[in-house]
Amino acid sequence: MDDITNEQERSPGKIEKQPWQMTKTEYEAKFGAPRGNSTVTGNFSKHKSSVEIALNRGLKVPQEVLEDYPDLKDL
């Protein structure tokens, strides 16, 4: 995700929300809803994963995004 933050610094006039800055509804409108496929480890959500990675990296995730994943609020 370092490339994401670097891109925002290079072109501040064209900043587009990153997946971890979008609500689940916004993410699904742009990239499509999950197909119901699961992985060996269980159901996997690319959006939730991107939010979790952002939190672990100390990025500021909008409150409305965290409301989609209450289990991540304590990270």
C-alpha atoms as a PDB file:
ATOM      1  CA  MET A   1       0.000   0.000   0.000  1.00  0.00           C
ATOM      2  CA  ASP A   2       3.012   2.284   0.096  1.00  0.00           C
ATOM      3  CA  ASP A   3       2.463   2.858  -3.615  1.00  0.00           C
ATOM      4  CA  ILE A   4      -1.082   4.005  -2.831  1.00  0.00           C
ATOM      5  CA  THR A   5      -0.017   6.693  -0.395  1.00  0.00           C
ATOM      6  CA  ASN A   6       2.830   7.734  -2.692  1.00  0.00           C
ATOM      7  CA  GLU A   7       0.416   8.096  -5.621  1.00  0.00           C
ATOM      8  CA  GLN A   8      -1.816  10.366  -3.560  1.00  0.00           C
ATOM      9  CA  GLU A   9       1.159  12.592  -2.779  1.00  0.00           C
ATOM     10  CA  ARG A  10       2.184  12.806  -6.462  1.00  0.00           C
ATOM     11  CA  SER A  11      -1.205  13.773  -7.851  1.00  0.00           C
ATOM     12  CA  PRO A  12      -3.306  15.449  -5.154  1.00  0.00           C
ATOM     13  CA  GLY A  13      -5.705  16.932  -7.734  1.00  0.00           C
ATOM     14  CA  LYS A  14      -6.752  13.468  -8.920  1.00  0.00           C
ATOM     15  CA  ILE A  15      -7.105  11.645  -5.618  1.00  0.00           C
ATOM     16  CA  GLU A  16      -9.524   8.778  -5.887  1.00  0.00           C
ATOM     17  CA  LYS A  17     -10.717   6.863  -2.869  1.00  0.00           C
ATOM     18  CA  GLN A  18      -8.711   3.749  -2.197  1.00  0.00           C
ATOM     19  CA  PRO A  19     -10.586   0.506  -1.387  1.00  0.00           C
ATOM     20  CA  TRP A  20      -9.908   0.905   2.336  1.00  0.00           C
ATOM     21  CA  GLN A  21     -11.410   4.412   2.235  1.00  0.00           C
ATOM     22  CA  MET A  22     -14.668   3.210   0.646  1.00  0.00           C
ATOM     23  CA  THR A  23     -17.661   1.865   2.464  1.00  0.00           C
ATOM     24  CA  LYS A  24     -18.613  -1.692   1.603  1.00  0.00           C
ATOM     25  CA  THR A  25     -21.467  -0.348  -0.564  1.00  0.00           C
ATOM     26  CA  GLU A  26     -19.138   1.998  -2.480  1.00  0.00           C
ATOM     27  CA  TYR A  27     -16.596  -0.797  -2.947  1.00  0.00           C
ATOM     28  CA  GLU A  28     -19.205  -3.224  -4.285  1.00  0.00           C
ATOM     29  CA  ALA A  29     -20.636  -0.560  -6.623  1.00  0.00           C
ATOM     30  CA  LYS A  30     -17.203  -0.025  -8.140  1.00  0.00           C
ATOM     31  CA  PHE A  31     -15.710  -3.537  -8.079  1.00  0.00           C
ATOM     32  CA  GLY A  32     -18.779  -5.771  -7.821  1.00  0.00           C
ATOM     33  CA  ALA A  33     -20.275  -7.778  -5.003  1.00  0.00           C
ATOM     34  CA  PRO A  34     -18.564 -10.931  -3.768  1.00  0.00           C
ATOM     35  CA  ARG A  35     -19.585 -14.032  -5.700  1.00  0.00           C
ATOM     36  CA  GLY A  36     -19.969 -16.190  -2.613  1.00  0.00           C
ATOM     37  CA  ASN A  37     -16.771 -18.087  -3.286  1.00  0.00           C
ATOM     38  CA  SER A  38     -14.786 -19.089  -0.257  1.00  0.00           C
ATOM     39  CA  THR A  39     -11.183 -19.999   0.270  1.00  0.00           C
ATOM     40  CA  VAL A  40      -9.579 -22.769   2.255  1.00  0.00           C
ATOM     41  CA  THR A  41      -9.481 -20.425   5.249  1.00  0.00           C
ATOM     42  CA  GLY A  42     -13.170 -19.522   4.986  1.00  0.00           C
ATOM     43  CA  ASN A  43     -14.994 -16.602   3.449  1.00  0.00           C
ATOM     44  CA  PHE A  44     -12.538 -13.989   2.233  1.00  0.00           C
ATOM     45  CA  SER A  45     -13.400 -10.382   1.531  1.00  0.00           C
ATOM     46  CA  LYS A  46     -10.930  -8.311  -0.467  1.00  0.00           C
ATOM     47  CA  HIS A  47     -12.524  -5.153   0.888  1.00  0.00           C
ATOM     48  CA  LYS A  48     -12.346  -6.219   4.532  1.00  0.00           C
ATOM     49  CA  SER A  49      -8.781  -7.368   4.007  1.00  0.00           C
ATOM     50  CA  SER A  50      -7.776  -3.999   2.540  1.00  0.00           C
ATOM     51  CA  VAL A  51      -9.383  -2.210   5.508  1.00  0.00           C
ATOM     52  CA  GLU A  52      -7.562  -4.486   7.954  1.00  0.00           C
ATOM     53  CA  ILE A  53      -4.214  -3.919   6.221  1.00  0.00           C
ATOM     54  CA  ALA A  54      -4.767  -0.148   6.278  1.00  0.00           C
ATOM     55  CA  LEU A  55      -5.513  -0.246   9.997  1.00  0.00           C
ATOM     56  CA  ASN A  56      -2.437  -2.356  10.682  1.00  0.00           C
ATOM     57  CA  ARG A  57      -0.333   0.148   8.755  1.00  0.00           C
ATOM     58  CA  GLY A  58      -1.684   3.006  10.803  1.00  0.00           C
ATOM     59  CA  LEU A  59      -3.619   4.618   7.964  1.00  0.00           C
ATOM     60  CA  LYS A  60      -6.663   6.692   8.860  1.00  0.00           C
ATOM     61  CA  VAL A  61      -9.704   4.633   7.916  1.00  0.00           C
ATOM     62  CA  PRO A  62     -12.958   6.624   7.810  1.00  0.00           C
ATOM     63  CA  GLN A  63     -15.454   5.905  10.586  1.00  0.00           C
ATOM     64  CA  GLU A  64     -18.210   5.001   8.099  1.00  0.00           C
ATOM     65  CA  VAL A  65     -15.958   2.257   6.706  1.00  0.00           C
ATOM     66  CA  LEU A  66     -15.291   0.862  10.182  1.00  0.00           C
ATOM     67  CA  GLU A  67     -19.043   0.683  10.762  1.00  0.00           C
ATOM     68  CA  ASP A  68     -19.160  -2.029   8.062  1.00  0.00           C
ATOM     69  CA  TYR A  69     -16.714  -4.144  10.090  1.00  0.00           C
ATOM     70  CA  PRO A  70     -17.290  -3.670  13.837  1.00  0.00           C
ATOM     71  CA  ASP A  71     -14.835  -6.492  14.592  1.00  0.00           C
ATOM     72  CA  LEU A  72     -11.989  -4.359  13.164  1.00  0.00           C
ATOM     73  CA  LYS A  73     -12.648  -1.260  15.290  1.00  0.00           C
ATOM     74  CA  ASP A  74     -10.260  -2.433  18.010  1.00  0.00           C
ATOM     75  CA  LEU A  75      -7.231  -2.872  15.726  1.00  0.00           C
END
